[in-house]
Protein backbone atom coordinates (compact mmCIF):
# COMPACT_ATOMS: atom_id res chain seq x y z
CA MET A 1 -4.57 -21.50 4.09
CA VAL A 2 -0.13 -21.17 5.07
CA LEU A 3 0.45 -22.06 1.86
CA ILE A 4 -2.51 -19.55 0.17
CA THR A 5 -1.12 -16.88 1.70
CA ILE A 6 2.62 -17.54 0.94
CA ILE A 7 1.58 -18.11 -3.27
CA LEU A 8 -0.38 -14.42 -2.67
CA LEU A 9 2.68 -12.58 -1.27
CA THR A 10 4.86 -14.11 -3.79
CA ILE A 11 1.93 -13.14 -6.43
CA PHE A 12 2.00 -9.55 -4.95
CA ILE A 13 6.53 -9.02 -5.23
CA PHE A 14 6.74 -10.85 -8.09
CA ASN A 15 4.09 -8.35 -9.68
CA LEU A 16 6.48 -5.37 -8.17
CA THR A 17 9.37 -7.23 -9.68
CA ILE A 18 8.46 -7.38 -13.18
CA TYR A 19 7.43 -3.76 -13.16
CA TRP A 20 11.15 -2.90 -12.59
CA VAL A 21 12.55 -5.50 -15.10
CA ILE A 22 10.42 -3.88 -18.20
CA PHE A 23 11.26 -0.49 -16.87
CA LEU A 24 14.94 -1.22 -16.76
CA LYS A 25 15.07 -3.98 -19.57
CA ILE A 26 12.27 -3.41 -21.61
CA LYS A 27 10.94 -0.07 -21.63
CA GLY A 28 11.34 1.77 -25.29
CA LYS A 29 11.63 -1.57 -27.06
CA ASP A 30 8.22 -3.27 -26.37
CA LYS A 31 5.27 -0.43 -26.17
CA LYS A 32 2.00 -3.40 -26.64
CA ILE A 33 4.04 -5.21 -23.36
CA ILE A 34 4.38 -2.03 -21.41
CA LYS A 35 0.34 -1.42 -21.84
CA LEU A 36 -0.62 -4.19 -21.25
CA PHE A 37 1.30 -4.99 -18.37
CA TYR A 38 0.20 -1.43 -16.99
CA LYS A 39 -3.01 -2.44 -17.14
CA LEU A 40 -2.75 -5.79 -15.21
CA PHE A 41 -0.24 -4.16 -12.59
CA PRO A 42 -3.25 -2.75 -10.42
CA VAL A 43 -5.58 -5.67 -11.06
CA ILE A 44 -2.87 -8.24 -9.88
CA TRP A 45 -2.01 -6.03 -7.09
CA THR A 46 -5.28 -5.97 -5.83
CA LEU A 47 -6.05 -9.49 -6.38
CA SER A 48 -2.85 -10.51 -4.33
CA LEU A 49 -3.10 -8.31 -1.61
CA VAL A 50 -7.28 -8.19 -0.58
CA PRO A 51 -7.80 -11.68 -0.38
CA ILE A 52 -4.95 -12.30 2.22
CA PRO A 53 -6.59 -10.73 5.18
CA ILE A 54 -10.04 -12.18 4.16
CA ILE A 55 -9.25 -15.56 3.90
CA ASN A 56 -7.38 -15.06 7.65
CA SER A 57 -10.04 -13.61 8.90
CA SER A 58 -11.34 -14.59 12.16
CA PHE A 59 -15.24 -14.47 10.87
CA LEU A 60 -13.77 -17.85 8.84
CA ARG A 61 -13.24 -19.49 11.78
CA TRP A 62 -15.60 -22.53 10.77
CA TYR A 63 -13.84 -22.94 7.79
CA PHE A 64 -10.62 -22.61 9.15
CA PRO A 65 -9.78 -23.74 12.82
CA LEU A 66 -6.25 -21.70 13.04
CA ASN A 67 -7.84 -18.35 12.17
CA TYR A 68 -7.77 -17.02 15.71
CA SER A 69 -9.26 -13.88 16.86
CA TYR A 70 -6.58 -11.50 17.72
CA PHE A 71 -8.99 -8.85 18.97
CA ASP A 72 -11.63 -10.75 20.54
CA GLN A 73 -14.01 -8.77 22.51
CA TYR A 74 -12.40 -5.48 21.50
CA TRP A 75 -12.85 -5.84 17.92
CA ILE A 76 -15.69 -3.50 17.52
CA PHE A 77 -13.72 -0.62 18.73
CA PHE A 78 -10.64 -1.73 16.15
CA ALA A 79 -12.87 -2.15 13.28
CA LEU A 80 -14.08 1.46 13.36
CA PHE A 81 -10.69 2.37 13.18
CA GLY A 82 -9.91 -0.01 10.18
CA ILE A 83 -12.93 1.30 9.05
CA THR A 84 -11.38 4.80 8.64
CA LEU A 85 -7.96 3.48 7.91
CA THR A 86 -9.47 1.79 4.68
CA ILE A 87 -11.55 4.97 3.23
CA LEU A 88 -8.82 7.25 4.17
CA GLY A 89 -7.20 4.86 1.60
CA ILE A 90 -9.57 5.03 -0.98
CA ILE A 91 -9.56 8.90 -0.52
CA PHE A 92 -5.52 8.81 -1.19
CA THR A 93 -6.36 6.53 -4.59
CA LYS A 94 -9.10 8.82 -5.85
CA LYS A 95 -7.16 12.40 -5.07
CA ALA A 96 -3.79 10.96 -6.61
CA ASN A 97 -6.09 9.38 -10.01
CA ARG A 98 -8.15 12.88 -10.39
CA VAL A 99 -3.65 14.52 -10.84
CA TYR A 100 -2.66 11.82 -13.20
CA LYS A 101 -6.21 12.51 -15.38
CA VAL A 102 -5.63 16.62 -15.39
CA LYS A 103 -2.08 15.88 -15.94
CA SER A 104 -2.69 13.44 -19.08
CA LEU A 105 -4.95 16.37 -20.55
CA ASP A 106 -2.21 18.60 -20.33
CA GLU A 107 -0.16 19.33 -22.88
CA ASN A 108 3.40 19.62 -20.64
CA SER A 109 2.13 16.11 -19.16
CA SER A 110 5.86 15.55 -18.81
CA ASN A 111 6.21 18.01 -15.75
CA LEU A 112 6.33 16.64 -12.42
CA VAL A 113 3.17 16.75 -10.61
CA THR A 114 3.29 18.43 -7.63
CA LYS A 115 -0.32 19.33 -7.13
CA GLY A 116 -3.32 18.40 -5.45
CA ILE A 117 -2.56 15.23 -2.86
CA PHE A 118 1.29 15.57 -4.18
CA LYS A 119 1.17 18.61 -2.43
CA LEU A 120 0.88 16.69 0.91
CA ILE A 121 3.08 13.61 0.00
CA ARG A 122 5.04 12.48 -2.79
CA HIS A 123 3.78 8.57 -2.97
CA PRO A 124 0.03 9.02 -2.40
CA VAL A 125 -1.00 5.85 -4.31
CA TYR A 126 1.70 3.64 -2.31
CA SER A 127 0.69 5.07 1.17
CA ALA A 128 -3.57 4.41 0.10
CA TRP A 129 -2.13 0.62 -0.39
CA GLY A 130 -0.78 0.48 2.70
CA LEU A 131 -3.53 2.02 4.91
CA ILE A 132 -6.15 0.22 3.26
CA PHE A 133 -4.15 -3.43 3.48
CA LEU A 134 -3.72 -2.22 7.13
CA GLY A 135 -7.83 -1.21 7.62
CA ILE A 136 -8.68 -4.66 6.23
CA ALA A 137 -6.41 -6.64 7.96
CA ILE A 138 -7.77 -4.98 11.37
CA ILE A 139 -11.61 -5.40 10.39
CA SER A 140 -11.32 -8.92 9.57
CA ASP A 141 -9.24 -9.14 12.99
CA SER A 142 -6.30 -11.52 11.60
CA LEU A 143 -3.21 -11.46 13.28
CA THR A 144 -1.56 -13.25 10.30
CA SER A 145 -2.76 -10.08 7.76
CA LEU A 146 -1.76 -7.92 10.68
CA ILE A 147 2.17 -9.06 10.49
CA ILE A 148 1.79 -8.86 6.92
CA SER A 149 0.89 -5.61 7.17
CA ALA A 150 3.96 -4.44 8.18
CA LEU A 151 5.90 -6.38 5.59
CA VAL A 152 3.75 -4.52 3.16
CA PHE A 153 4.46 -1.01 4.28
CA ILE A 154 8.38 -2.34 4.15
CA ILE A 155 8.33 -3.59 0.59
CA LEU A 156 6.46 -0.28 -0.51
CA GLU A 157 8.63 2.23 1.20
CA ILE A 158 11.40 0.20 -0.61
CA ASN A 159 9.31 0.47 -3.87
CA ALA A 160 8.90 4.04 -3.20
CA ILE A 161 12.80 5.04 -2.60
CA ILE A 162 13.88 2.82 -5.89
CA GLU A 163 11.62 4.96 -7.92
CA GLU A 164 12.85 7.78 -6.59
CA LYS A 165 16.63 6.87 -7.13
CA LEU A 166 15.72 5.25 -10.97
CA ILE A 167 13.29 7.42 -12.08
CA LEU A 168 12.23 10.37 -10.64
CA ILE A 169 15.66 12.06 -9.51
CA PRO A 170 17.44 11.15 -12.89
CA LYS A 171 13.93 12.36 -15.08
CA PHE A 172 13.35 15.54 -12.81
CA GLY A 173 17.04 16.91 -11.41
CA LYS A 174 16.65 19.56 -8.87
CA ILE A 175 13.28 20.12 -9.91
CA TYR A 176 12.42 16.89 -7.78
CA GLU A 177 15.38 16.92 -4.71
CA ASN A 178 13.61 20.61 -4.41
CA TYR A 179 10.21 19.10 -4.31
CA ILE A 180 11.94 16.38 -1.59
CA LYS A 181 12.49 18.93 0.64
CA LYS A 182 9.06 20.49 0.56
CA THR A 183 7.27 17.52 1.28
CA PRO A 184 7.44 14.26 3.26
CA ASN A 185 9.82 11.56 2.65
CA ARG A 186 8.25 8.73 3.77
CA ILE A 187 5.26 6.85 1.91
CA ILE A 188 3.17 7.67 5.59
CA PRO A 189 3.80 11.19 6.50
CA THR A 190 3.71 13.03 9.82
CA PRO A 191 1.26 12.77 11.77
CA LEU A 192 -0.09 10.30 10.55
CA ASN A 193 2.69 7.67 10.92
CA LEU A 194 2.73 8.61 14.86
CA LEU A 195 -0.64 8.05 15.09
CA LEU A 196 -0.07 4.04 13.46
CA ILE A 197 2.88 3.94 15.87
CA ILE A 198 0.62 4.73 18.79
CA VAL A 199 -2.08 2.19 17.34
CA THR A 200 0.56 -0.38 16.80
CA MET A 201 1.34 -0.07 20.65
CA LEU A 202 -2.61 -0.74 21.43
CA ILE A 203 -2.43 -3.32 19.06
CA VAL A 204 0.06 -5.53 20.48
CA TYR A 205 -1.41 -4.29 24.22
CA VAL A 206 -4.81 -6.05 23.35
CA GLY A 207 -2.98 -9.26 21.74
CA PHE A 208 -0.85 -9.47 25.23
CA LEU A 209 -4.49 -9.49 26.88
CA ASN A 210 -6.32 -11.75 24.77
CA PHE A 211 -3.29 -14.42 24.45
CA ASN A 212 -2.38 -14.67 28.06
């Protein structure tokens, strides 16, 4: 189980690495490779992340004895919150995709997107993935997945920073710098990040109660 989890995480990180290699080394040289990878990128992302909380779920203890229950009798309360986070992540994704579709039909599609969900947050898709993974991790009642959730958020945060430094600021210049001043600089904006901190404290406390 540990080996499978490590392999999936490695695939997830490798997928992001390949994305930046294509952007920095291959972009503009072979459009077929770029188009193919951009289609596979979200698929690989999904297939590498989503199975992690599922295979580490406490509900599979009958098959994987090491999959302990983290929330125990408190699970139902946190499961409802996990479902809320997952739904919120899906909403973020749909709203972002809706804006992207409108942009693709616009003659000025090279313009910076600042409408819709992008008025509230600069990286709604990264936020969505973080929320969805955390939500599924909570629902699956998995200590391993909760720990990995923190790693996923860190990776997404770093990726967002790199994207701004290497792509967005060089491309849009002062326009993007002004956008930064108006829009939250994290993939999880306030007050949602404060809510996540509170929930994290509750999760740690529940774990302390159950394992002591």
